[in-house]
PDB file of all heavy atoms in Angstrom:
ATOM      1  N   VAL A   1       0.843  -1.198   0.000  1.00  0.00           N
ATOM      2  CA  VAL A   1       0.000   0.000   0.000  1.00  0.00           C
ATOM      3  C   VAL A   1       0.877   1.246   0.000  1.00  0.00           C
ATOM      4  O   VAL A   1       0.617   2.204  -0.734  1.00  0.00           O
ATOM      5  CB  VAL A   1      -0.968  -0.012   1.208  1.00  0.00           C
ATOM      6  CG1 VAL A   1      -1.646   1.342   1.383  1.00  0.00           C
ATOM      7  CG2 VAL A   1      -2.011  -1.105   1.039  1.00  0.00           C
ATOM      8  N   ARG A   2       1.938   1.231   0.802  1.00  0.00           N
ATOM      9  CA  ARG A   2       2.856   2.378   0.843  1.00  0.00           C
ATOM     10  C   ARG A   2       3.454   2.648  -0.529  1.00  0.00           C
ATOM     11  O   ARG A   2       3.468   3.789  -1.005  1.00  0.00           O
ATOM     12  CB  ARG A   2       3.968   2.120   1.863  1.00  0.00           C
ATOM     13  CG  ARG A   2       4.935   3.285   2.017  1.00  0.00           C
ATOM     14  CD  ARG A   2       6.103   2.928   2.914  1.00  0.00           C
ATOM     15  NE  ARG A   2       6.906   1.837   2.410  1.00  0.00           N
ATOM     16  CZ  ARG A   2       7.815   1.937   1.427  1.00  0.00           C
ATOM     17  NH1 ARG A   2       8.025   3.085   0.830  1.00  0.00           N
ATOM     18  NH2 ARG A   2       8.500   0.895   1.031  1.00  0.00           N
ATOM     19  N   LEU A   3       3.925   1.598  -1.185  1.00  0.00           N
ATOM     20  CA  LEU A   3       4.519   1.771  -2.508  1.00  0.00           C
ATOM     21  C   LEU A   3       3.501   2.258  -3.530  1.00  0.00           C
ATOM     22  O   LEU A   3       3.800   3.122  -4.360  1.00  0.00           O
ATOM     23  CB  LEU A   3       5.163   0.464  -2.969  1.00  0.00           C
ATOM     24  CG  LEU A   3       6.419   0.060  -2.228  1.00  0.00           C
ATOM     25  CD1 LEU A   3       6.834  -1.357  -2.634  1.00  0.00           C
ATOM     26  CD2 LEU A   3       7.546   1.037  -2.490  1.00  0.00           C
ATOM     27  N   LEU A   4       2.296   1.720  -3.474  1.00  0.00           N
ATOM     28  CA  LEU A   4       1.244   2.139  -4.396  1.00  0.00           C
ATOM     29  C   LEU A   4       0.895   3.612  -4.186  1.00  0.00           C
ATOM     30  O   LEU A   4       0.815   4.388  -5.149  1.00  0.00           O
ATOM     31  CB  LEU A   4       0.001   1.266  -4.218  1.00  0.00           C
ATOM     32  CG  LEU A   4      -1.200   1.648  -5.080  1.00  0.00           C
ATOM     33  CD1 LEU A   4      -0.905   1.407  -6.558  1.00  0.00           C
ATOM     34  CD2 LEU A   4      -2.426   0.855  -4.656  1.00  0.00           C
ATOM     35  N   LEU A   5       0.698   4.007  -2.938  1.00  0.00           N
ATOM     36  CA  LEU A   5       0.373   5.406  -2.657  1.00  0.00           C
ATOM     37  C   LEU A   5       1.511   6.332  -3.045  1.00  0.00           C
ATOM     38  O   LEU A   5       1.286   7.412  -3.594  1.00  0.00           O
ATOM     39  CB  LEU A   5       0.023   5.583  -1.181  1.00  0.00           C
ATOM     40  CG  LEU A   5      -1.293   4.986  -0.728  1.00  0.00           C
ATOM     41  CD1 LEU A   5      -1.448   5.120   0.785  1.00  0.00           C
ATOM     42  CD2 LEU A   5      -2.465   5.631  -1.441  1.00  0.00           C
ATOM     43  N   LEU A   6       2.744   5.916  -2.766  1.00  0.00           N
ATOM     44  CA  LEU A   6       3.898   6.736  -3.122  1.00  0.00           C
ATOM     45  C   LEU A   6       3.998   6.917  -4.635  1.00  0.00           C
ATOM     46  O   LEU A   6       4.202   8.033  -5.128  1.00  0.00           O
ATOM     47  CB  LEU A   6       5.169   6.103  -2.567  1.00  0.00           C
ATOM     48  CG  LEU A   6       6.450   6.891  -2.727  1.00  0.00           C
ATOM     49  CD1 LEU A   6       6.352   8.237  -2.016  1.00  0.00           C
ATOM     50  CD2 LEU A   6       7.628   6.092  -2.190  1.00  0.00           C
ATOM     51  N   GLU A   7       3.822   5.846  -5.364  1.00  0.00           N
ATOM     52  CA  GLU A   7       3.881   5.919  -6.822  1.00  0.00           C
ATOM     53  C   GLU A   7       2.779   6.830  -7.376  1.00  0.00           C
ATOM     54  O   GLU A   7       3.034   7.682  -8.220  1.00  0.00           O
ATOM     55  CB  GLU A   7       3.749   4.516  -7.407  1.00  0.00           C
ATOM     56  CG  GLU A   7       3.765   4.491  -8.927  1.00  0.00           C
ATOM     57  CD  GLU A   7       3.578   3.086  -9.489  1.00  0.00           C
ATOM     58  OE1 GLU A   7       2.937   2.243  -8.827  1.00  0.00           O
ATOM     59  OE2 GLU A   7       4.066   2.853 -10.593  1.00  0.00           O
ATOM     60  N   ARG A   8       1.572   6.652  -6.876  1.00  0.00           N
ATOM     61  CA  ARG A   8       0.460   7.485  -7.365  1.00  0.00           C
ATOM     62  C   ARG A   8       0.648   8.950  -7.004  1.00  0.00           C
ATOM     63  O   ARG A   8       0.332   9.834  -7.790  1.00  0.00           O
ATOM     64  CB  ARG A   8      -0.856   6.969  -6.831  1.00  0.00           C
ATOM     65  CG  ARG A   8      -1.184   5.641  -7.450  1.00  0.00           C
ATOM     66  CD  ARG A   8      -2.610   5.350  -7.360  1.00  0.00           C
ATOM     67  NE  ARG A   8      -2.841   4.082  -8.061  1.00  0.00           N
ATOM     68  CZ  ARG A   8      -4.000   3.697  -8.472  1.00  0.00           C
ATOM     69  NH1 ARG A   8      -5.040   4.451  -8.275  1.00  0.00           N
ATOM     70  NH2 ARG A   8      -4.140   2.555  -9.098  1.00  0.00           N
ATOM     71  N   ALA A   9       1.144   9.212  -5.812  1.00  0.00           N
ATOM     72  CA  ALA A   9       1.385  10.598  -5.401  1.00  0.00           C
ATOM     73  C   ALA A   9       2.455  11.231  -6.274  1.00  0.00           C
ATOM     74  O   ALA A   9       2.306  12.368  -6.735  1.00  0.00           O
ATOM     75  CB  ALA A   9       1.791  10.649  -3.928  1.00  0.00           C
ATOM     76  N   TYR A  10       3.527  10.498  -6.530  1.00  0.00           N
ATOM     77  CA  TYR A  10       4.622  11.021  -7.342  1.00  0.00           C
ATOM     78  C   TYR A  10       4.150  11.294  -8.770  1.00  0.00           C
ATOM     79  O   TYR A  10       4.368  12.374  -9.311  1.00  0.00           O
ATOM     80  CB  TYR A  10       5.800  10.040  -7.331  1.00  0.00           C
ATOM     81  CG  TYR A  10       7.002  10.571  -8.065  1.00  0.00           C
ATOM     82  CD1 TYR A  10       7.831  11.514  -7.478  1.00  0.00           C
ATOM     83  CD2 TYR A  10       7.313  10.126  -9.348  1.00  0.00           C
ATOM     84  CE1 TYR A  10       8.936  12.004  -8.145  1.00  0.00           C
ATOM     85  CE2 TYR A  10       8.414  10.614 -10.021  1.00  0.00           C
ATOM     86  CZ  TYR A  10       9.222  11.555  -9.419  1.00  0.00           C
ATOM     87  OH  TYR A  10      10.307  12.053 -10.097  1.00  0.00           O
ATOM     88  N   GLU A  11       3.489  10.306  -9.358  1.00  0.00           N
ATOM     89  CA  GLU A  11       3.020  10.463 -10.735  1.00  0.00           C
ATOM     90  C   GLU A  11       1.918  11.511 -10.855  1.00  0.00           C
ATOM     91  O   GLU A  11       1.778  12.146 -11.893  1.00  0.00           O
ATOM     92  CB  GLU A  11       2.531   9.119 -11.277  1.00  0.00           C
ATOM     93  CG  GLU A  11       3.650   8.130 -11.519  1.00  0.00           C
ATOM     94  CD  GLU A  11       3.158   6.756 -11.944  1.00  0.00           C
ATOM     95  OE1 GLU A  11       1.929   6.529 -11.968  1.00  0.00           O
ATOM     96  OE2 GLU A  11       4.016   5.904 -12.228  1.00  0.00           O
ATOM     97  N   GLY A  12       1.152  11.690  -9.797  1.00  0.00           N
ATOM     98  CA  GLY A  12       0.050  12.651  -9.818  1.00  0.00           C
ATOM     99  C   GLY A  12       0.459  14.065  -9.451  1.00  0.00           C
ATOM    100  O   GLY A  12      -0.384  14.951  -9.357  1.00  0.00           O
ATOM    101  N   GLY A  13       1.745  14.270  -9.211  1.00  0.00           N
ATOM    102  CA  GLY A  13       2.231  15.602  -8.885  1.00  0.00           C
ATOM    103  C   GLY A  13       1.836  16.069  -7.489  1.00  0.00           C
ATOM    104  O   GLY A  13       1.838  17.266  -7.205  1.00  0.00           O
ATOM    105  N   LYS A  14       1.524  15.133  -6.605  1.00  0.00           N
ATOM    106  CA  LYS A  14       1.139  15.501  -5.243  1.00  0.00           C
ATOM    107  C   LYS A  14       2.366  15.924  -4.451  1.00  0.00           C
ATOM    108  O   LYS A  14       3.486  15.510  -4.727  1.00  0.00           O
ATOM    109  CB  LYS A  14       0.456  14.333  -4.528  1.00  0.00           C
ATOM    110  CG  LYS A  14      -0.782  13.825  -5.222  1.00  0.00           C
ATOM    111  CD  LYS A  14      -1.867  14.865  -5.229  1.00  0.00           C
ATOM    112  CE  LYS A  14      -3.120  14.311  -5.880  1.00  0.00           C
ATOM    113  NZ  LYS A  14      -4.115  15.307  -6.134  1.00  0.00           N
ATOM    114  N   THR A  15       2.127  16.766  -3.463  1.00  0.00           N
ATOM    115  CA  THR A  15       3.200  17.244  -2.600  1.00  0.00           C
ATOM    116  C   THR A  15       3.113  16.544  -1.244  1.00  0.00           C
ATOM    117  O   THR A  15       2.080  15.940  -0.920  1.00  0.00           O
ATOM    118  CB  THR A  15       3.076  18.763  -2.368  1.00  0.00           C
ATOM    119  OG1 THR A  15       1.888  19.008  -1.600  1.00  0.00           O
ATOM    120  CG2 THR A  15       3.014  19.529  -3.687  1.00  0.00           C
ATOM    121  N   PRO A  16       4.170  16.642  -0.442  1.00  0.00           N
ATOM    122  CA  PRO A  16       4.085  16.097   0.908  1.00  0.00           C
ATOM    123  C   PRO A  16       2.909  16.682   1.706  1.00  0.00           C
ATOM    124  O   PRO A  16       2.267  15.984   2.481  1.00  0.00           O
ATOM    125  CB  PRO A  16       5.431  16.466   1.530  1.00  0.00           C
ATOM    126  CG  PRO A  16       6.363  16.478   0.349  1.00  0.00           C
ATOM    127  CD  PRO A  16       5.534  17.076  -0.760  1.00  0.00           C
ATOM    128  N   ASP A  17       2.616  17.963   1.481  1.00  0.00           N
ATOM    129  CA  ASP A  17       1.470  18.572   2.167  1.00  0.00           C
ATOM    130  C   ASP A  17       0.154  17.928   1.738  1.00  0.00           C
ATOM    131  O   ASP A  17      -0.765  17.797   2.549  1.00  0.00           O
ATOM    132  CB  ASP A  17       1.429  20.081   1.914  1.00  0.00           C
ATOM    133  CG  ASP A  17       2.536  20.815   2.655  1.00  0.00           C
ATOM    134  OD1 ASP A  17       3.041  20.286   3.669  1.00  0.00           O
ATOM    135  OD2 ASP A  17       2.888  21.929   2.223  1.00  0.00           O
ATOM    136  N   ASP A  18       0.055  17.539   0.471  1.00  0.00           N
ATOM    137  CA  ASP A  18      -1.141  16.826   0.003  1.00  0.00           C
ATOM    138  C   ASP A  18      -1.293  15.492   0.738  1.00  0.00           C
ATOM    139  O   ASP A  18      -2.398  15.099   1.119  1.00  0.00           O
ATOM    140  CB  ASP A  18      -1.080  16.560  -1.505  1.00  0.00           C
ATOM    141  CG  ASP A  18      -1.123  17.819  -2.342  1.00  0.00           C
ATOM    142  OD1 ASP A  18      -1.783  18.799  -1.929  1.00  0.00           O
ATOM    143  OD2 ASP A  18      -0.501  17.821  -3.419  1.00  0.00           O
ATOM    144  N   ILE A  19      -0.176  14.810   0.947  1.00  0.00           N
ATOM    145  CA  ILE A  19      -0.179  13.528   1.654  1.00  0.00           C
ATOM    146  C   ILE A  19      -0.645  13.728   3.087  1.00  0.00           C
ATOM    147  O   ILE A  19      -1.473  12.969   3.600  1.00  0.00           O
ATOM    148  CB  ILE A  19       1.229  12.882   1.640  1.00  0.00           C
ATOM    149  CG1 ILE A  19       1.680  12.578   0.216  1.00  0.00           C
ATOM    150  CG2 ILE A  19       1.291  11.645   2.525  1.00  0.00           C
ATOM    151  CD1 ILE A  19       0.846  11.566  -0.513  1.00  0.00           C
ATOM    152  N   LEU A  20      -0.132  14.750   3.742  1.00  0.00           N
ATOM    153  CA  LEU A  20      -0.506  15.008   5.130  1.00  0.00           C
ATOM    154  C   LEU A  20      -1.966  15.443   5.247  1.00  0.00           C
ATOM    155  O   LEU A  20      -2.645  15.102   6.223  1.00  0.00           O
ATOM    156  CB  LEU A  20       0.439  16.035   5.748  1.00  0.00           C
ATOM    157  CG  LEU A  20       1.901  15.587   5.817  1.00  0.00           C
ATOM    158  CD1 LEU A  20       2.784  16.707   6.354  1.00  0.00           C
ATOM    159  CD2 LEU A  20       2.054  14.321   6.638  1.00  0.00           C
ATOM    160  N   ALA A  21      -2.478  16.158   4.259  1.00  0.00           N
ATOM    161  CA  ALA A  21      -3.900  16.523   4.253  1.00  0.00           C
ATOM    162  C   ALA A  21      -4.767  15.274   4.101  1.00  0.00           C
ATOM    163  O   ALA A  21      -5.824  15.152   4.739  1.00  0.00           O
ATOM    164  CB  ALA A  21      -4.187  17.520   3.130  1.00  0.00           C
ATOM    165  N   TYR A  22      -4.333  14.347   3.280  1.00  0.00           N
ATOM    166  CA  TYR A  22      -5.053  13.077   3.121  1.00  0.00           C
ATOM    167  C   TYR A  22      -5.034  12.291   4.432  1.00  0.00           C
ATOM    168  O   TYR A  22      -6.037  11.696   4.825  1.00  0.00           O
ATOM    169  CB  TYR A  22      -4.446  12.267   1.981  1.00  0.00           C
ATOM    170  CG  TYR A  22      -5.181  10.996   1.675  1.00  0.00           C
ATOM    171  CD1 TYR A  22      -6.483  11.022   1.184  1.00  0.00           C
ATOM    172  CD2 TYR A  22      -4.585   9.759   1.880  1.00  0.00           C
ATOM    173  CE1 TYR A  22      -7.164   9.849   0.906  1.00  0.00           C
ATOM    174  CE2 TYR A  22      -5.255   8.579   1.601  1.00  0.00           C
ATOM    175  CZ  TYR A  22      -6.543   8.633   1.114  1.00  0.00           C
ATOM    176  OH  TYR A  22      -7.214   7.467   0.853  1.00  0.00           O
ATOM    177  N   ALA A  23      -3.902  12.320   5.125  1.00  0.00           N
ATOM    178  CA  ALA A  23      -3.800  11.639   6.418  1.00  0.00           C
ATOM    179  C   ALA A  23      -4.823  12.203   7.402  1.00  0.00           C
ATOM    180  O   ALA A  23      -5.427  11.453   8.175  1.00  0.00           O
ATOM    181  CB  ALA A  23      -2.388  11.772   6.980  1.00  0.00           C
ATOM    182  N   GLU A  24      -5.033  13.499   7.359  1.00  0.00           N
ATOM    183  CA  GLU A  24      -6.021  14.113   8.250  1.00  0.00           C
ATOM    184  C   GLU A  24      -7.429  13.597   7.948  1.00  0.00           C
ATOM    185  O   GLU A  24      -8.214  13.337   8.860  1.00  0.00           O
ATOM    186  CB  GLU A  24      -5.973  15.641   8.130  1.00  0.00           C
ATOM    187  CG  GLU A  24      -6.867  16.347   9.108  1.00  0.00           C
ATOM    188  CD  GLU A  24      -6.581  15.999  10.563  1.00  0.00           C
ATOM    189  OE1 GLU A  24      -5.411  15.787  10.933  1.00  0.00           O
ATOM    190  OE2 GLU A  24      -7.553  15.928  11.347  1.00  0.00           O
ATOM    191  N   LYS A  25      -7.742  13.406   6.677  1.00  0.00           N
ATOM    192  CA  LYS A  25      -9.043  12.833   6.308  1.00  0.00           C
ATOM    193  C   LYS A  25      -9.185  11.411   6.845  1.00  0.00           C
ATOM    194  O   LYS A  25     -10.255  11.018   7.312  1.00  0.00           O
ATOM    195  CB  LYS A  25      -9.232  12.846   4.791  1.00  0.00           C
ATOM    196  CG  LYS A  25      -9.392  14.221   4.215  1.00  0.00           C
ATOM    197  CD  LYS A  25      -9.544  14.157   2.711  1.00  0.00           C
ATOM    198  CE  LYS A  25      -9.606  15.548   2.126  1.00  0.00           C
ATOM    199  NZ  LYS A  25      -9.726  15.534   0.672  1.00  0.00           N
ATOM    200  N   ILE A  26      -8.113  10.644   6.773  1.00  0.00           N
ATOM    201  CA  ILE A  26      -8.132   9.271   7.288  1.00  0.00           C
ATOM    202  C   ILE A  26      -8.332   9.282   8.798  1.00  0.00           C
ATOM    203  O   ILE A  26      -9.134   8.508   9.341  1.00  0.00           O
ATOM    204  CB  ILE A  26      -6.834   8.524   6.920  1.00  0.00           C
ATOM    205  CG1 ILE A  26      -6.648   8.442   5.404  1.00  0.00           C
ATOM    206  CG2 ILE A  26      -6.790   7.143   7.562  1.00  0.00           C
ATOM    207  CD1 ILE A  26      -7.696   7.649   4.680  1.00  0.00           C
ATOM    208  N   ARG A  27      -7.621  10.171   9.496  1.00  0.00           N
ATOM    209  CA  ARG A  27      -7.790  10.287  10.948  1.00  0.00           C
ATOM    210  C   ARG A  27      -9.231  10.638  11.310  1.00  0.00           C
ATOM    211  O   ARG A  27      -9.800  10.068  12.240  1.00  0.00           O
ATOM    212  CB  ARG A  27      -6.836  11.343  11.519  1.00  0.00           C
ATOM    213  CG  ARG A  27      -5.537  10.790  12.021  1.00  0.00           C
ATOM    214  CD  ARG A  27      -4.756  11.804  12.821  1.00  0.00           C
ATOM    215  NE  ARG A  27      -4.324  12.934  12.027  1.00  0.00           N
ATOM    216  CZ  ARG A  27      -3.268  12.949  11.242  1.00  0.00           C
ATOM    217  NH1 ARG A  27      -2.527  11.875  11.137  1.00  0.00           N
ATOM    218  NH2 ARG A  27      -2.939  14.016  10.565  1.00  0.00           N
ATOM    219  N   GLN A  28      -9.813  11.570  10.576  1.00  0.00           N
ATOM    220  CA  GLN A  28     -11.207  11.953  10.827  1.00  0.00           C
ATOM    221  C   GLN A  28     -12.143  10.768  10.624  1.00  0.00           C
ATOM    222  O   GLN A  28     -13.072  10.571  11.403  1.00  0.00           O
ATOM    223  CB  GLN A  28     -11.614  13.112   9.926  1.00  0.00           C
ATOM    224  CG  GLN A  28     -10.989  14.422  10.311  1.00  0.00           C
ATOM    225  CD  GLN A  28     -11.300  15.527   9.317  1.00  0.00           C
ATOM    226  OE1 GLN A  28     -11.930  15.312   8.286  1.00  0.00           O
ATOM    227  NE2 GLN A  28     -10.849  16.727   9.618  1.00  0.00           N
ATOM    228  N   PHE A  29     -11.878   9.962   9.592  1.00  0.00           N
ATOM    229  CA  PHE A  29     -12.696   8.779   9.352  1.00  0.00           C
ATOM    230  C   PHE A  29     -12.645   7.841  10.559  1.00  0.00           C
ATOM    231  O   PHE A  29     -13.680   7.359  11.025  1.00  0.00           O
ATOM    232  CB  PHE A  29     -12.226   8.052   8.091  1.00  0.00           C
ATOM    233  CG  PHE A  29     -12.899   6.725   7.900  1.00  0.00           C
ATOM    234  CD1 PHE A  29     -14.160   6.656   7.319  1.00  0.00           C
ATOM    235  CD2 PHE A  29     -12.286   5.548   8.308  1.00  0.00           C
ATOM    236  CE1 PHE A  29     -14.795   5.435   7.153  1.00  0.00           C
ATOM    237  CE2 PHE A  29     -12.911   4.320   8.144  1.00  0.00           C
ATOM    238  CZ  PHE A  29     -14.172   4.263   7.561  1.00  0.00           C
ATOM    239  N   PHE A  30     -11.440   7.582  11.065  1.00  0.00           N
ATOM    240  CA  PHE A  30     -11.317   6.686  12.212  1.00  0.00           C
ATOM    241  C   PHE A  30     -11.970   7.271  13.465  1.00  0.00           C
ATOM    242  O   PHE A  30     -12.580   6.555  14.243  1.00  0.00           O
ATOM    243  CB  PHE A  30      -9.858   6.321  12.481  1.00  0.00           C
ATOM    244  CG  PHE A  30      -9.299   5.340  11.502  1.00  0.00           C
ATOM    245  CD1 PHE A  30      -8.105   5.575  10.867  1.00  0.00           C
ATOM    246  CD2 PHE A  30      -9.974   4.168  11.194  1.00  0.00           C
ATOM    247  CE1 PHE A  30      -7.587   4.671   9.946  1.00  0.00           C
ATOM    248  CE2 PHE A  30      -9.466   3.254  10.285  1.00  0.00           C
ATOM    249  CZ  PHE A  30      -8.278   3.510   9.665  1.00  0.00           C
ATOM    250  N   GLU A  31     -11.848   8.582  13.659  1.00  0.00           N
ATOM    251  CA  GLU A  31     -12.474   9.214  14.815  1.00  0.00           C
ATOM    252  C   GLU A  31     -13.995   9.088  14.749  1.00  0.00           C
ATOM    253  O   GLU A  31     -14.642   8.898  15.769  1.00  0.00           O
ATOM    254  CB  GLU A  31     -12.066  10.677  14.902  1.00  0.00           C
ATOM    255  CG  GLU A  31     -10.632  10.868  15.360  1.00  0.00           C
ATOM    256  CD  GLU A  31     -10.167  12.302  15.306  1.00  0.00           C
ATOM    257  OE1 GLU A  31     -10.977  13.206  14.996  1.00  0.00           O
ATOM    258  OE2 GLU A  31      -8.965  12.524  15.558  1.00  0.00           O
ATOM    259  N   GLU A  32     -14.541   9.181  13.547  1.00  0.00           N
ATOM    260  CA  GLU A  32     -15.989   9.084  13.374  1.00  0.00           C
ATOM    261  C   GLU A  32     -16.494   7.647  13.440  1.00  0.00           C
ATOM    262  O   GLU A  32     -17.669   7.425  13.719  1.00  0.00           O
ATOM    263  CB  GLU A  32     -16.397   9.707  12.038  1.00  0.00           C
ATOM    264  CG  GLU A  32     -16.171  11.204  11.977  1.00  0.00           C
ATOM    265  CD  GLU A  32     -16.316  11.776  10.576  1.00  0.00           C
ATOM    266  OE1 GLU A  32     -16.664  11.022   9.638  1.00  0.00           O
ATOM    267  OE2 GLU A  32     -16.047  12.977  10.411  1.00  0.00           O
ATOM    268  N   ASN A  33     -15.638   6.677  13.170  1.00  0.00           N
ATOM    269  CA  ASN A  33     -16.083   5.292  13.055  1.00  0.00           C
ATOM    270  C   ASN A  33     -15.539   4.348  14.119  1.00  0.00           C
ATOM    271  O   ASN A  33     -15.813   3.149  14.069  1.00  0.00           O
ATOM    272  CB  ASN A  33     -15.748   4.753  11.661  1.00  0.00           C
ATOM    273  CG  ASN A  33     -16.554   5.460  10.601  1.00  0.00           C
ATOM    274  OD1 ASN A  33     -17.732   5.199  10.449  1.00  0.00           O
ATOM    275  ND2 ASN A  33     -15.939   6.395   9.906  1.00  0.00           N
ATOM    276  N   ASN A  34     -14.773   4.871  15.063  1.00  0.00           N
ATOM    277  CA  ASN A  34     -14.278   4.057  16.174  1.00  0.00           C
ATOM    278  C   ASN A  34     -14.675   4.730  17.478  1.00  0.00           C
ATOM    279  O   ASN A  34     -14.619   5.962  17.577  1.00  0.00           O
ATOM    280  CB  ASN A  34     -12.753   3.933  16.131  1.00  0.00           C
ATOM    281  CG  ASN A  34     -12.289   3.021  15.024  1.00  0.00           C
ATOM    282  OD1 ASN A  34     -12.784   1.904  14.889  1.00  0.00           O
ATOM    283  ND2 ASN A  34     -11.347   3.490  14.237  1.00  0.00           N
ATOM    284  N   PRO A  35     -15.055   3.952  18.467  1.00  0.00           N
ATOM    285  CA  PRO A  35     -15.355   4.564  19.763  1.00  0.00           C
ATOM    286  C   PRO A  35     -14.093   5.163  20.367  1.00  0.00           C
ATOM    287  O   PRO A  35     -12.995   4.657  20.137  1.00  0.00           O
ATOM    288  CB  PRO A  35     -15.879   3.397  20.600  1.00  0.00           C
ATOM    289  CG  PRO A  35     -15.387   2.174  19.928  1.00  0.00           C
ATOM    290  CD  PRO A  35     -15.197   2.507  18.485  1.00  0.00           C
ATOM    291  N   PRO A  36     -14.242   6.252  21.114  1.00  0.00           N
ATOM    292  CA  PRO A  36     -13.068   6.852  21.750  1.00  0.00           C
ATOM    293  C   PRO A  36     -12.388   5.841  22.673  1.00  0.00           C
ATOM    294  O   PRO A  36     -13.042   5.008  23.293  1.00  0.00           O
ATOM    295  CB  PRO A  36     -13.634   8.012  22.562  1.00  0.00           C
ATOM    296  CG  PRO A  36     -14.998   8.256  22.026  1.00  0.00           C
ATOM    297  CD  PRO A  36     -15.467   6.973  21.427  1.00  0.00           C
ATOM    298  N   GLY A  37     -11.095   5.910  22.711  1.00  0.00           N
ATOM    299  CA  GLY A  37     -10.354   5.009  23.591  1.00  0.00           C
ATOM    300  C   GLY A  37      -9.034   4.611  22.977  1.00  0.00           C
ATOM    301  O   GLY A  37      -8.525   5.246  22.054  1.00  0.00           O
ATOM    302  N   ILE A  38      -8.500   3.521  23.491  1.00  0.00           N
ATOM    303  CA  ILE A  38      -7.158   3.084  23.105  1.00  0.00           C
ATOM    304  C   ILE A  38      -7.065   2.704  21.628  1.00  0.00           C
ATOM    305  O   ILE A  38      -6.069   2.983  20.976  1.00  0.00           O
ATOM    306  CB  ILE A  38      -6.657   1.943  24.019  1.00  0.00           C
ATOM    307  CG1 ILE A  38      -5.163   1.706  23.832  1.00  0.00           C
ATOM    308  CG2 ILE A  38      -7.447   0.673  23.797  1.00  0.00           C
ATOM    309  CD1 ILE A  38      -4.305   2.780  24.371  1.00  0.00           C
ATOM    310  N   VAL A  39      -8.125   2.086  21.086  1.00  0.00           N
ATOM    311  CA  VAL A  39      -8.084   1.694  19.670  1.00  0.00           C
ATOM    312  C   VAL A  39      -7.998   2.929  18.788  1.00  0.00           C
ATOM    313  O   VAL A  39      -7.180   2.994  17.875  1.00  0.00           O
ATOM    314  CB  VAL A  39      -9.317   0.833  19.307  1.00  0.00           C
ATOM    315  CG1 VAL A  39      -9.384   0.611  17.808  1.00  0.00           C
ATOM    316  CG2 VAL A  39      -9.279  -0.490  20.042  1.00  0.00           C
ATOM    317  N   GLU A  40      -8.808   3.929  19.082  1.00  0.00           N
ATOM    318  CA  GLU A  40      -8.772   5.167  18.299  1.00  0.00           C
ATOM    319  C   GLU A  40      -7.403   5.840  18.417  1.00  0.00           C
ATOM    320  O   GLU A  40      -6.831   6.292  17.426  1.00  0.00           O
ATOM    321  CB  GLU A  40      -9.858   6.128  18.771  1.00  0.00           C
ATOM    322  CG  GLU A  40      -9.839   7.448  18.012  1.00  0.00           C
ATOM    323  CD  GLU A  40     -10.729   8.507  18.632  1.00  0.00           C
ATOM    324  OE1 GLU A  40     -11.404   8.252  19.630  1.00  0.00           O
ATOM    325  OE2 GLU A  40     -10.714   9.614  18.081  1.00  0.00           O
TER     326      GLU A  40
END
């Protein structure tokens, strides 16, 4: 998955900031879909 995302980001002209913004969306997804606690 790391290699696939890295390749797509590189070929798509994405920046490191774009990657970190995507990470924030993923974090929000987990916060909305996991109960608060150690797993989250």
